[in-house]
Amino acid sequence: GAGAGMAAAVDVAAVTGAKPFSGDRLPPPPPPGRPPKASSKPRRRRPRTFLERCLLQLQRPEVILLSVWWLIVFILIVYIADMGAHLRAIWRPLLLLASIPAVASLALCVIS
């Protein structure tokens, strides 16, 4: 019909505002950013440290869920067994025992 002939007559450049490319004009410059490296050798990433590997493992969802689960279980056991007074009496030796693996892990992070 008449509608098909009308669509073919529409000037695309007039509708979109596009200008035809002329050979004497230069193409637009590349977007700003880091220029490509000149060296052909691929850049190697530095190996991850022990601390970075541990932090990546600790951020996994299953590790977070299990940690929260065991924290809740511990709190419930202390509450149900009425061990709060006992824990307040022995918190210093418990803290000393718990600090041993923490200090060993920190030492490994510093060494590696």
PDB file of N, CA and C in Angstrom:
ATOM      1  N   GLY A   1       0.761  -1.164   0.000  1.00  0.00           N
ATOM      2  CA  GLY A   1       0.000   0.000   0.000  1.00  0.00           C
ATOM      3  C   GLY A   1       0.825   1.261   0.000  1.00  0.00           C
ATOM      4  N   ALA A   2       0.115   2.300   0.343  1.00  0.00           N
ATOM      5  CA  ALA A   2       0.704   3.635   0.321  1.00  0.00           C
ATOM      6  C   ALA A   2       1.679   3.840   1.475  1.00  0.00           C
ATOM      7  N   GLY A   3       1.475   3.128   2.565  1.00  0.00           N
ATOM      8  CA  GLY A   3       2.344   3.286   3.726  1.00  0.00           C
ATOM      9  C   GLY A   3       3.752   2.782   3.467  1.00  0.00           C
ATOM     10  N   ALA A   4       3.900   1.737   2.642  1.00  0.00           N
ATOM     11  CA  ALA A   4       5.218   1.182   2.372  1.00  0.00           C
ATOM     12  C   ALA A   4       6.048   2.145   1.544  1.00  0.00           C
ATOM     13  N   GLY A   5       5.439   2.837   0.597  1.00  0.00           N
ATOM     14  CA  GLY A   5       6.160   3.798  -0.218  1.00  0.00           C
ATOM     15  C   GLY A   5       6.586   5.002   0.598  1.00  0.00           C
ATOM     16  N   MET A   6       5.802   5.364   1.600  1.00  0.00           N
ATOM     17  CA  MET A   6       6.085   6.504   2.452  1.00  0.00           C
ATOM     18  C   MET A   6       7.308   6.233   3.335  1.00  0.00           C
ATOM     19  N   ALA A   7       7.441   4.985   3.848  1.00  0.00           N
ATOM     20  CA  ALA A   7       8.549   4.647   4.734  1.00  0.00           C
ATOM     21  C   ALA A   7       9.870   4.674   3.978  1.00  0.00           C
ATOM     22  N   ALA A   8       9.858   4.297   2.706  1.00  0.00           N
ATOM     23  CA  ALA A   8      11.084   4.273   1.932  1.00  0.00           C
ATOM     24  C   ALA A   8      11.555   5.678   1.608  1.00  0.00           C
ATOM     25  N   ALA A   9      10.644   6.647   1.580  1.00  0.00           N
ATOM     26  CA  ALA A   9      10.994   8.003   1.200  1.00  0.00           C
ATOM     27  C   ALA A   9      11.576   8.806   2.359  1.00  0.00           C
ATOM     28  N   VAL A  10      11.504   8.280   3.598  1.00  0.00           N
ATOM     29  CA  VAL A  10      12.009   9.020   4.765  1.00  0.00           C
ATOM     30  C   VAL A  10      13.532   9.034   4.728  1.00  0.00           C
ATOM     31  N   ASP A  11      14.108  10.201   4.902  1.00  0.00           N
ATOM     32  CA  ASP A  11      15.562  10.343   4.917  1.00  0.00           C
ATOM     33  C   ASP A  11      16.081   9.967   6.302  1.00  0.00           C
ATOM     34  N   VAL A  12      16.881   8.924   6.381  1.00  0.00           N
ATOM     35  CA  VAL A  12      17.381   8.431   7.671  1.00  0.00           C
ATOM     36  C   VAL A  12      18.274   9.474   8.328  1.00  0.00           C
ATOM     37  N   ALA A  13      19.106  10.148   7.555  1.00  0.00           N
ATOM     38  CA  ALA A  13      20.006  11.151   8.109  1.00  0.00           C
ATOM     39  C   ALA A  13      19.227  12.311   8.719  1.00  0.00           C
ATOM     40  N   ALA A  14      18.094  12.665   8.128  1.00  0.00           N
ATOM     41  CA  ALA A  14      17.292  13.769   8.664  1.00  0.00           C
ATOM     42  C   ALA A  14      16.629  13.373   9.971  1.00  0.00           C
ATOM     43  N   VAL A  15      16.233  12.109  10.098  1.00  0.00           N
ATOM     44  CA  VAL A  15      15.547  11.652  11.312  1.00  0.00           C
ATOM     45  C   VAL A  15      16.531  11.462  12.456  1.00  0.00           C
ATOM     46  N   THR A  16      17.665  10.812  12.193  1.00  0.00           N
ATOM     47  CA  THR A  16      18.607  10.470  13.274  1.00  0.00           C
ATOM     48  C   THR A  16      19.614  11.573  13.542  1.00  0.00           C
ATOM     49  N   GLY A  17      19.803  12.483  12.618  1.00  0.00           N
ATOM     50  CA  GLY A  17      20.803  13.533  12.795  1.00  0.00           C
ATOM     51  C   GLY A  17      22.200  13.080  12.426  1.00  0.00           C
ATOM     52  N   ALA A  18      22.308  11.873  11.817  1.00  0.00           N
ATOM     53  CA  ALA A  18      23.624  11.350  11.448  1.00  0.00           C
ATOM     54  C   ALA A  18      24.139  12.086  10.228  1.00  0.00           C
ATOM     55  N   LYS A  19      25.434  12.321  10.225  1.00  0.00           N
ATOM     56  CA  LYS A  19      26.066  12.980   9.083  1.00  0.00           C
ATOM     57  C   LYS A  19      26.827  11.923   8.291  1.00  0.00           C
ATOM     58  N   PRO A  20      26.774  11.998   6.990  1.00  0.00           N
ATOM     59  CA  PRO A  20      27.521  11.005   6.205  1.00  0.00           C
ATOM     60  C   PRO A  20      29.019  11.170   6.440  1.00  0.00           C
ATOM     61  N   PHE A  21      29.746  10.048   6.427  1.00  0.00           N
ATOM     62  CA  PHE A  21      31.194  10.066   6.677  1.00  0.00           C
ATOM     63  C   PHE A  21      31.915  10.516   5.422  1.00  0.00           C
ATOM     64  N   SER A  22      32.728  11.537   5.597  1.00  0.00           N
ATOM     65  CA  SER A  22      33.524  11.983   4.450  1.00  0.00           C
ATOM     66  C   SER A  22      34.954  11.507   4.648  1.00  0.00           C
ATOM     67  N   GLY A  23      35.602  11.149   3.572  1.00  0.00           N
ATOM     68  CA  GLY A  23      36.934  10.562   3.643  1.00  0.00           C
ATOM     69  C   GLY A  23      38.000  11.509   4.163  1.00  0.00           C
ATOM     70  N   ASP A  24      37.798  12.827   4.056  1.00  0.00           N
ATOM     71  CA  ASP A  24      38.853  13.745   4.482  1.00  0.00           C
ATOM     72  C   ASP A  24      38.840  13.989   5.991  1.00  0.00           C
ATOM     73  N   ARG A  25      37.751  13.657   6.675  1.00  0.00           N
ATOM     74  CA  ARG A  25      37.694  13.832   8.134  1.00  0.00           C
ATOM     75  C   ARG A  25      38.314  12.646   8.840  1.00  0.00           C
ATOM     76  N   LEU A  26      38.973  12.915   9.977  1.00  0.00           N
ATOM     77  CA  LEU A  26      39.549  11.833  10.779  1.00  0.00           C
ATOM     78  C   LEU A  26      38.469  11.214  11.651  1.00  0.00           C
ATOM     79  N   PRO A  27      38.571   9.924  11.949  1.00  0.00           N
ATOM     80  CA  PRO A  27      37.606   9.313  12.872  1.00  0.00           C
ATOM     81  C   PRO A  27      37.811   9.881  14.275  1.00  0.00           C
ATOM     82  N   PRO A  28      36.809   9.796  15.140  1.00  0.00           N
ATOM     83  CA  PRO A  28      36.954  10.361  16.487  1.00  0.00           C
ATOM     84  C   PRO A  28      38.077   9.677  17.255  1.00  0.00           C
ATOM     85  N   PRO A  29      38.715  10.395  18.169  1.00  0.00           N
ATOM     86  CA  PRO A  29      39.823   9.789  18.920  1.00  0.00           C
ATOM     87  C   PRO A  29      39.306   8.689  19.850  1.00  0.00           C
ATOM     88  N   PRO A  30      40.178   7.754  20.233  1.00  0.00           N
ATOM     89  CA  PRO A  30      39.745   6.680  21.136  1.00  0.00           C
ATOM     90  C   PRO A  30      39.382   7.260  22.505  1.00  0.00           C
ATOM     91  N   PRO A  31      38.543   6.577  23.258  1.00  0.00           N
ATOM     92  CA  PRO A  31      38.148   7.095  24.571  1.00  0.00           C
ATOM     93  C   PRO A  31      39.349   7.170  25.512  1.00  0.00           C
ATOM     94  N   PRO A  32      39.322   8.120  26.452  1.00  0.00           N
ATOM     95  CA  PRO A  32      40.462   8.235  27.359  1.00  0.00           C
ATOM     96  C   PRO A  32      40.550   7.009  28.263  1.00  0.00           C
ATOM     97  N   GLY A  33      41.741   6.721  28.685  1.00  0.00           N
ATOM     98  CA  GLY A  33      41.967   5.553  29.541  1.00  0.00           C
ATOM     99  C   GLY A  33      43.424   5.164  29.454  1.00  0.00           C
ATOM    100  N   ARG A  34      43.693   3.988  29.952  1.00  0.00           N
ATOM    101  CA  ARG A  34      45.067   3.510  29.940  1.00  0.00           C
ATOM    102  C   ARG A  34      45.445   3.096  28.522  1.00  0.00           C
ATOM    103  N   PRO A  35      46.570   3.604  27.982  1.00  0.00           N
ATOM    104  CA  PRO A  35      46.974   3.203  26.632  1.00  0.00           C
ATOM    105  C   PRO A  35      47.426   1.743  26.631  1.00  0.00           C
ATOM    106  N   PRO A  36      47.322   1.071  25.488  1.00  0.00           N
ATOM    107  CA  PRO A  36      47.757  -0.331  25.442  1.00  0.00           C
ATOM    108  C   PRO A  36      49.254  -0.440  25.689  1.00  0.00           C
ATOM    109  N   LYS A  37      49.649  -1.534  26.312  1.00  0.00           N
ATOM    110  CA  LYS A  37      51.071  -1.753  26.623  1.00  0.00           C
ATOM    111  C   LYS A  37      51.864  -1.986  25.338  1.00  0.00           C
ATOM    112  N   ALA A  38      53.084  -1.467  25.308  1.00  0.00           N
ATOM    113  CA  ALA A  38      53.931  -1.625  24.132  1.00  0.00           C
ATOM    114  C   ALA A  38      54.669  -2.961  24.162  1.00  0.00           C
ATOM    115  N   SER A  39      54.881  -3.532  25.356  1.00  0.00           N
ATOM    116  CA  SER A  39      55.647  -4.769  25.446  1.00  0.00           C
ATOM    117  C   SER A  39      54.795  -5.943  24.978  1.00  0.00           C
ATOM    118  N   SER A  40      55.428  -6.872  24.298  1.00  0.00           N
ATOM    119  CA  SER A  40      54.702  -8.036  23.792  1.00  0.00           C
ATOM    120  C   SER A  40      54.605  -9.124  24.854  1.00  0.00           C
ATOM    121  N   LYS A  41      55.435  -9.040  25.891  1.00  0.00           N
ATOM    122  CA  LYS A  41      55.450 -10.054  26.940  1.00  0.00           C
ATOM    123  C   LYS A  41      54.226  -9.861  27.847  1.00  0.00           C
ATOM    124  N   PRO A  42      53.400 -10.906  28.099  1.00  0.00           N
ATOM    125  CA  PRO A  42      52.234 -10.732  28.972  1.00  0.00           C
ATOM    126  C   PRO A  42      52.661 -10.488  30.419  1.00  0.00           C
ATOM    127  N   ARG A  43      51.933  -9.623  31.082  1.00  0.00           N
ATOM    128  CA  ARG A  43      52.276  -9.254  32.453  1.00  0.00           C
ATOM    129  C   ARG A  43      51.785 -10.338  33.404  1.00  0.00           C
ATOM    130  N   ARG A  44      52.659 -10.795  34.283  1.00  0.00           N
ATOM    131  CA  ARG A  44      52.283 -11.836  35.241  1.00  0.00           C
ATOM    132  C   ARG A  44      51.765 -11.195  36.516  1.00  0.00           C
ATOM    133  N   ARG A  45      50.680 -11.770  37.044  1.00  0.00           N
ATOM    134  CA  ARG A  45      50.148 -11.286  38.323  1.00  0.00           C
ATOM    135  C   ARG A  45      51.043 -11.773  39.445  1.00  0.00           C
ATOM    136  N   ARG A  46      51.144 -10.948  40.486  1.00  0.00           N
ATOM    137  CA  ARG A  46      51.945 -11.391  41.623  1.00  0.00           C
ATOM    138  C   ARG A  46      51.162 -12.456  42.375  1.00  0.00           C
ATOM    139  N   PRO A  47      51.835 -13.427  42.954  1.00  0.00           N
ATOM    140  CA  PRO A  47      51.112 -14.485  43.671  1.00  0.00           C
ATOM    141  C   PRO A  47      50.428 -13.930  44.916  1.00  0.00           C
ATOM    142  N   ARG A  48      49.294 -14.533  45.251  1.00  0.00           N
ATOM    143  CA  ARG A  48      48.546 -14.090  46.427  1.00  0.00           C
ATOM    144  C   ARG A  48      49.273 -14.507  47.692  1.00  0.00           C
ATOM    145  N   THR A  49      49.236 -13.634  48.679  1.00  0.00           N
ATOM    146  CA  THR A  49      49.858 -13.953  49.959  1.00  0.00           C
ATOM    147  C   THR A  49      48.942 -14.865  50.763  1.00  0.00           C
ATOM    148  N   PHE A  50      49.485 -15.398  51.850  1.00  0.00           N
ATOM    149  CA  PHE A  50      48.711 -16.280  52.728  1.00  0.00           C
ATOM    150  C   PHE A  50      47.494 -15.554  53.284  1.00  0.00           C
ATOM    151  N   LEU A  51      47.673 -14.295  53.668  1.00  0.00           N
ATOM    152  CA  LEU A  51      46.556 -13.518  54.223  1.00  0.00           C
ATOM    153  C   LEU A  51      45.455 -13.330  53.176  1.00  0.00           C
ATOM    154  N   GLU A  52      45.839 -13.029  51.940  1.00  0.00           N
ATOM    155  CA  GLU A  52      44.838 -12.847  50.882  1.00  0.00           C
ATOM    156  C   GLU A  52      44.077 -14.142  50.618  1.00  0.00           C
ATOM    157  N   ARG A  53      44.803 -15.263  50.610  1.00  0.00           N
ATOM    158  CA  ARG A  53      44.126 -16.556  50.401  1.00  0.00           C
ATOM    159  C   ARG A  53      43.169 -16.857  51.547  1.00  0.00           C
ATOM    160  N   CYS A  54      43.587 -16.569  52.791  1.00  0.00           N
ATOM    161  CA  CYS A  54      42.716 -16.825  53.949  1.00  0.00           C
ATOM    162  C   CYS A  54      41.474 -15.935  53.891  1.00  0.00           C
ATOM    163  N   LEU A  55      41.650 -14.663  53.559  1.00  0.00           N
ATOM    164  CA  LEU A  55      40.506 -13.751  53.499  1.00  0.00           C
ATOM    165  C   LEU A  55      39.525 -14.171  52.407  1.00  0.00           C
ATOM    166  N   LEU A  56      40.042 -14.645  51.275  1.00  0.00           N
ATOM    167  CA  LEU A  56      39.145 -15.112  50.218  1.00  0.00           C
ATOM    168  C   LEU A  56      38.352 -16.331  50.673  1.00  0.00           C
ATOM    169  N   GLN A  57      39.008 -17.236  51.414  1.00  0.00           N
ATOM    170  CA  GLN A  57      38.300 -18.415  51.904  1.00  0.00           C
ATOM    171  C   GLN A  57      37.261 -18.039  52.949  1.00  0.00           C
ATOM    172  N   LEU A  58      37.585 -17.075  53.813  1.00  0.00           N
ATOM    173  CA  LEU A  58      36.666 -16.677  54.878  1.00  0.00           C
ATOM    174  C   LEU A  58      35.443 -15.956  54.339  1.00  0.00           C
ATOM    175  N   GLN A  59      35.520 -15.402  53.139  1.00  0.00           N
ATOM    176  CA  GLN A  59      34.402 -14.665  52.577  1.00  0.00           C
ATOM    177  C   GLN A  59      33.446 -15.561  51.799  1.00  0.00           C
ATOM    178  N   ARG A  60      33.727 -16.857  51.718  1.00  0.00           N
ATOM    179  CA  ARG A  60      32.815 -17.762  51.023  1.00  0.00           C
ATOM    180  C   ARG A  60      31.526 -17.896  51.820  1.00  0.00           C
ATOM    181  N   PRO A  61      30.376 -17.995  51.140  1.00  0.00           N
ATOM    182  CA  PRO A  61      29.084 -18.022  51.853  1.00  0.00           C
ATOM    183  C   PRO A  61      28.950 -19.182  52.831  1.00  0.00           C
ATOM    184  N   GLU A  62      29.459 -20.367  52.454  1.00  0.00           N
ATOM    185  CA  GLU A  62      29.297 -21.510  53.355  1.00  0.00           C
ATOM    186  C   GLU A  62      30.122 -21.340  54.630  1.00  0.00           C
ATOM    187  N   VAL A  63      31.265 -20.682  54.529  1.00  0.00           N
ATOM    188  CA  VAL A  63      32.084 -20.442  55.725  1.00  0.00           C
ATOM    189  C   VAL A  63      31.369 -19.460  56.652  1.00  0.00           C
ATOM    190  N   ILE A  64      30.780 -18.427  56.081  1.00  0.00           N
ATOM    191  CA  ILE A  64      30.055 -17.441  56.890  1.00  0.00           C
ATOM    192  C   ILE A  64      28.852 -18.093  57.561  1.00  0.00           C
ATOM    193  N   LEU A  65      28.092 -18.889  56.794  1.00  0.00           N
ATOM    194  CA  LEU A  65      26.912 -19.548  57.364  1.00  0.00           C
ATOM    195  C   LEU A  65      27.286 -20.506  58.490  1.00  0.00           C
ATOM    196  N   LEU A  66      28.327 -21.309  58.290  1.00  0.00           N
ATOM    197  CA  LEU A  66      28.742 -22.249  59.338  1.00  0.00           C
ATOM    198  C   LEU A  66      29.254 -21.519  60.571  1.00  0.00           C
ATOM    199  N   SER A  67      29.971 -20.423  60.375  1.00  0.00           N
ATOM    200  CA  SER A  67      30.479 -19.660  61.513  1.00  0.00           C
ATOM    201  C   SER A  67      29.337 -19.072  62.332  1.00  0.00           C
ATOM    202  N   VAL A  68      28.348 -18.508  61.649  1.00  0.00           N
ATOM    203  CA  VAL A  68      27.200 -17.943  62.363  1.00  0.00           C
ATOM    204  C   VAL A  68      26.426 -19.056  63.073  1.00  0.00           C
ATOM    205  N   TRP A  69      26.273 -20.204  62.399  1.00  0.00           N
ATOM    206  CA  TRP A  69      25.571 -21.331  62.994  1.00  0.00           C
ATOM    207  C   TRP A  69      26.259 -21.764  64.291  1.00  0.00           C
ATOM    208  N   TRP A  70      27.590 -21.949  64.259  1.00  0.00           N
ATOM    209  CA  TRP A  70      28.291 -22.420  65.458  1.00  0.00           C
ATOM    210  C   TRP A  70      28.318 -21.355  66.547  1.00  0.00           C
ATOM    211  N   LEU A  71      28.323 -20.098  66.186  1.00  0.00           N
ATOM    212  CA  LEU A  71      28.234 -19.035  67.193  1.00  0.00           C
ATOM    213  C   LEU A  71      26.883 -19.091  67.908  1.00  0.00           C
ATOM    214  N   ILE A  72      25.817 -19.278  67.142  1.00  0.00           N
ATOM    215  CA  ILE A  72      24.490 -19.377  67.755  1.00  0.00           C
ATOM    216  C   ILE A  72      24.399 -20.609  68.647  1.00  0.00           C
ATOM    217  N   VAL A  73      24.933 -21.739  68.182  1.00  0.00           N
ATOM    218  CA  VAL A  73      24.915 -22.967  68.997  1.00  0.00           C
ATOM    219  C   VAL A  73      25.689 -22.762  70.286  1.00  0.00           C
ATOM    220  N   PHE A  74      26.854 -22.118  70.205  1.00  0.00           N
ATOM    221  CA  PHE A  74      27.661 -21.877  71.410  1.00  0.00           C
ATOM    222  C   PHE A  74      26.906 -20.997  72.409  1.00  0.00           C
ATOM    223  N   ILE A  75      26.288 -19.931  71.906  1.00  0.00           N
ATOM    224  CA  ILE A  75      25.549 -19.022  72.792  1.00  0.00           C
ATOM    225  C   ILE A  75      24.372 -19.750  73.442  1.00  0.00           C
ATOM    226  N   LEU A  76      23.659 -20.565  72.674  1.00  0.00           N
ATOM    227  CA  LEU A  76      22.537 -21.318  73.238  1.00  0.00           C
ATOM    228  C   LEU A  76      22.985 -22.324  74.291  1.00  0.00           C
ATOM    229  N   ILE A  77      24.104 -23.005  74.046  1.00  0.00           N
ATOM    230  CA  ILE A  77      24.606 -23.972  75.029  1.00  0.00           C
ATOM    231  C   ILE A  77      25.007 -23.261  76.315  1.00  0.00           C
ATOM    232  N   VAL A  78      25.691 -22.132  76.189  1.00  0.00           N
ATOM    233  CA  VAL A  78      26.097 -21.388  77.389  1.00  0.00           C
ATOM    234  C   VAL A  78      24.864 -20.920  78.153  1.00  0.00           C
ATOM    235  N   TYR A  79      23.853 -20.482  77.440  1.00  0.00           N
ATOM    236  CA  TYR A  79      22.636 -19.984  78.094  1.00  0.00           C
ATOM    237  C   TYR A  79      21.845 -21.122  78.750  1.00  0.00           C
ATOM    238  N   ILE A  80      21.635 -22.218  78.021  1.00  0.00           N
ATOM    239  CA  ILE A  80      20.822 -23.324  78.538  1.00  0.00           C
ATOM    240  C   ILE A  80      21.531 -24.014  79.703  1.00  0.00           C
ATOM    241  N   ALA A  81      22.855 -24.199  79.604  1.00  0.00           N
ATOM    242  CA  ALA A  81      23.597 -24.897  80.662  1.00  0.00           C
ATOM    243  C   ALA A  81      23.939 -23.970  81.812  1.00  0.00           C
ATOM    244  N   ASP A  82      23.554 -22.718  81.715  1.00  0.00           N
ATOM    245  CA  ASP A  82      23.821 -21.736  82.767  1.00  0.00           C
ATOM    246  C   ASP A  82      25.324 -21.666  83.086  1.00  0.00           C
ATOM    247  N   MET A  83      26.130 -21.585  82.007  1.00  0.00           N
ATOM    248  CA  MET A  83      27.585 -21.552  82.160  1.00  0.00           C
ATOM    249  C   MET A  83      28.133 -20.132  82.129  1.00  0.00           C
ATOM    250  N   GLY A  84      27.271 -19.117  82.113  1.00  0.00           N
ATOM    251  CA  GLY A  84      27.733 -17.743  82.025  1.00  0.00           C
ATOM    252  C   GLY A  84      28.653 -17.359  83.166  1.00  0.00           C
ATOM    253  N   ALA A  85      28.284 -17.713  84.383  1.00  0.00           N
ATOM    254  CA  ALA A  85      29.116 -17.372  85.550  1.00  0.00           C
ATOM    255  C   ALA A  85      30.460 -18.086  85.480  1.00  0.00           C
ATOM    256  N   HIS A  86      30.428 -19.358  85.041  1.00  0.00           N
ATOM    257  CA  HIS A  86      31.677 -20.107  84.931  1.00  0.00           C
ATOM    258  C   HIS A  86      32.597 -19.497  83.864  1.00  0.00           C
ATOM    259  N   LEU A  87      32.016 -19.095  82.714  1.00  0.00           N
ATOM    260  CA  LEU A  87      32.836 -18.483  81.664  1.00  0.00           C
ATOM    261  C   LEU A  87      33.413 -17.148  82.112  1.00  0.00           C
ATOM    262  N   ARG A  88      32.643 -16.391  82.887  1.00  0.00           N
ATOM    263  CA  ARG A  88      33.183 -15.117  83.394  1.00  0.00           C
ATOM    264  C   ARG A  88      34.338 -15.357  84.353  1.00  0.00           C
ATOM    265  N   ALA A  89      34.333 -16.491  85.042  1.00  0.00           N
ATOM    266  CA  ALA A  89      35.407 -16.790  85.989  1.00  0.00           C
ATOM    267  C   ALA A  89      36.693 -17.235  85.282  1.00  0.00           C
ATOM    268  N   ILE A  90      36.562 -17.894  84.124  1.00  0.00           N
ATOM    269  CA  ILE A  90      37.759 -18.447  83.462  1.00  0.00           C
ATOM    270  C   ILE A  90      38.034 -17.801  82.108  1.00  0.00           C
ATOM    271  N   TRP A  91      37.577 -16.585  81.847  1.00  0.00           N
ATOM    272  CA  TRP A  91      37.737 -15.996  80.512  1.00  0.00           C
ATOM    273  C   TRP A  91      39.188 -15.692  80.180  1.00  0.00           C
ATOM    274  N   ARG A  92      40.021 -15.407  81.199  1.00  0.00           N
ATOM    275  CA  ARG A  92      41.424 -15.087  80.895  1.00  0.00           C
ATOM    276  C   ARG A  92      42.192 -16.294  80.360  1.00  0.00           C
ATOM    277  N   PRO A  93      42.143 -17.465  81.033  1.00  0.00           N
ATOM    278  CA  PRO A  93      42.836 -18.625  80.435  1.00  0.00           C
ATOM    279  C   PRO A  93      42.254 -19.039  79.084  1.00  0.00           C
ATOM    280  N   LEU A  94      40.927 -18.886  78.916  1.00  0.00           N
ATOM    281  CA  LEU A  94      40.328 -19.213  77.614  1.00  0.00           C
ATOM    282  C   LEU A  94      40.843 -18.279  76.529  1.00  0.00           C
ATOM    283  N   LEU A  95      40.953 -17.008  76.851  1.00  0.00           N
ATOM    284  CA  LEU A  95      41.467 -16.035  75.888  1.00  0.00           C
ATOM    285  C   LEU A  95      42.924 -16.347  75.529  1.00  0.00           C
ATOM    286  N   LEU A  96      43.705 -16.760  76.522  1.00  0.00           N
ATOM    287  CA  LEU A  96      45.095 -17.137  76.260  1.00  0.00           C
ATOM    288  C   LEU A  96      45.162 -18.330  75.307  1.00  0.00           C
ATOM    289  N   LEU A  97      44.331 -19.344  75.562  1.00  0.00           N
ATOM    290  CA  LEU A  97      44.331 -20.518  74.689  1.00  0.00           C
ATOM    291  C   LEU A  97      43.854 -20.172  73.276  1.00  0.00           C
ATOM    292  N   ALA A  98      42.853 -19.312  73.170  1.00  0.00           N
ATOM    293  CA  ALA A  98      42.335 -18.943  71.851  1.00  0.00           C
ATOM    294  C   ALA A  98      43.308 -18.055  71.087  1.00  0.00           C
ATOM    295  N   SER A  99      44.169 -17.333  71.803  1.00  0.00           N
ATOM    296  CA  SER A  99      45.095 -16.432  71.125  1.00  0.00           C
ATOM    297  C   SER A  99      46.263 -17.175  70.477  1.00  0.00           C
ATOM    298  N   ILE A 100      46.528 -18.398  70.903  1.00  0.00           N
ATOM    299  CA  ILE A 100      47.672 -19.142  70.345  1.00  0.00           C
ATOM    300  C   ILE A 100      47.506 -19.355  68.836  1.00  0.00           C
ATOM    301  N   PRO A 101      46.401 -19.923  68.333  1.00  0.00           N
ATOM    302  CA  PRO A 101      46.290 -20.059  66.868  1.00  0.00           C
ATOM    303  C   PRO A 101      46.198 -18.715  66.147  1.00  0.00           C
ATOM    304  N   ALA A 102      45.607 -17.715  66.803  1.00  0.00           N
ATOM    305  CA  ALA A 102      45.510 -16.397  66.165  1.00  0.00           C
ATOM    306  C   ALA A 102      46.899 -15.793  65.975  1.00  0.00           C
ATOM    307  N   VAL A 103      47.743 -15.899  66.991  1.00  0.00           N
ATOM    308  CA  VAL A 103      49.105 -15.360  66.890  1.00  0.00           C
ATOM    309  C   VAL A 103      49.915 -16.161  65.874  1.00  0.00           C
ATOM    310  N   ALA A 104      49.728 -17.477  65.841  1.00  0.00           N
ATOM    311  CA  ALA A 104      50.447 -18.301  64.859  1.00  0.00           C
ATOM    312  C   ALA A 104      50.028 -17.920  63.434  1.00  0.00           C
ATOM    313  N   SER A 105      48.746 -17.671  63.212  1.00  0.00           N
ATOM    314  CA  SER A 105      48.284 -17.268  61.873  1.00  0.00           C
ATOM    315  C   SER A 105      48.852 -15.911  61.486  1.00  0.00           C
ATOM    316  N   LEU A 106      48.880 -14.979  62.423  1.00  0.00           N
ATOM    317  CA  LEU A 106      49.467 -13.665  62.135  1.00  0.00           C
ATOM    318  C   LEU A 106      50.955 -13.799  61.806  1.00  0.00           C
ATOM    319  N   ALA A 107      51.647 -14.665  62.526  1.00  0.00           N
ATOM    320  CA  ALA A 107      53.071 -14.874  62.246  1.00  0.00           C
ATOM    321  C   ALA A 107      53.263 -15.428  60.838  1.00  0.00           C
ATOM    322  N   LEU A 108      52.392 -16.361  60.430  1.00  0.00           N
ATOM    323  CA  LEU A 108      52.484 -16.903  59.059  1.00  0.00           C
ATOM    324  C   LEU A 108      52.226 -15.821  58.018  1.00  0.00           C
ATOM    325  N   CYS A 109      51.292 -14.927  58.307  1.00  0.00           N
ATOM    326  CA  CYS A 109      50.999 -13.833  57.373  1.00  0.00           C
ATOM    327  C   CYS A 109      52.190 -12.896  57.236  1.00  0.00           C
ATOM    328  N   VAL A 110      52.861 -12.625  58.331  1.00  0.00           N
ATOM    329  CA  VAL A 110      54.017 -11.722  58.294  1.00  0.00           C
ATOM    330  C   VAL A 110      55.188 -12.373  57.587  1.00  0.00           C
ATOM    331  N   ILE A 111      55.389 -13.661  57.854  1.00  0.00           N
ATOM    332  CA  ILE A 111      56.538 -14.370  57.247  1.00  0.00           C
ATOM    333  C   ILE A 111      56.357 -14.515  55.744  1.00  0.00           C
ATOM    334  N   SER A 112      55.160 -14.900  55.304  1.00  0.00           N
ATOM    335  CA  SER A 112      54.964 -15.170  53.871  1.00  0.00           C
ATOM    336  C   SER A 112      54.644 -13.919  53.090  1.00  0.00           C
TER     337      SER A 112
END
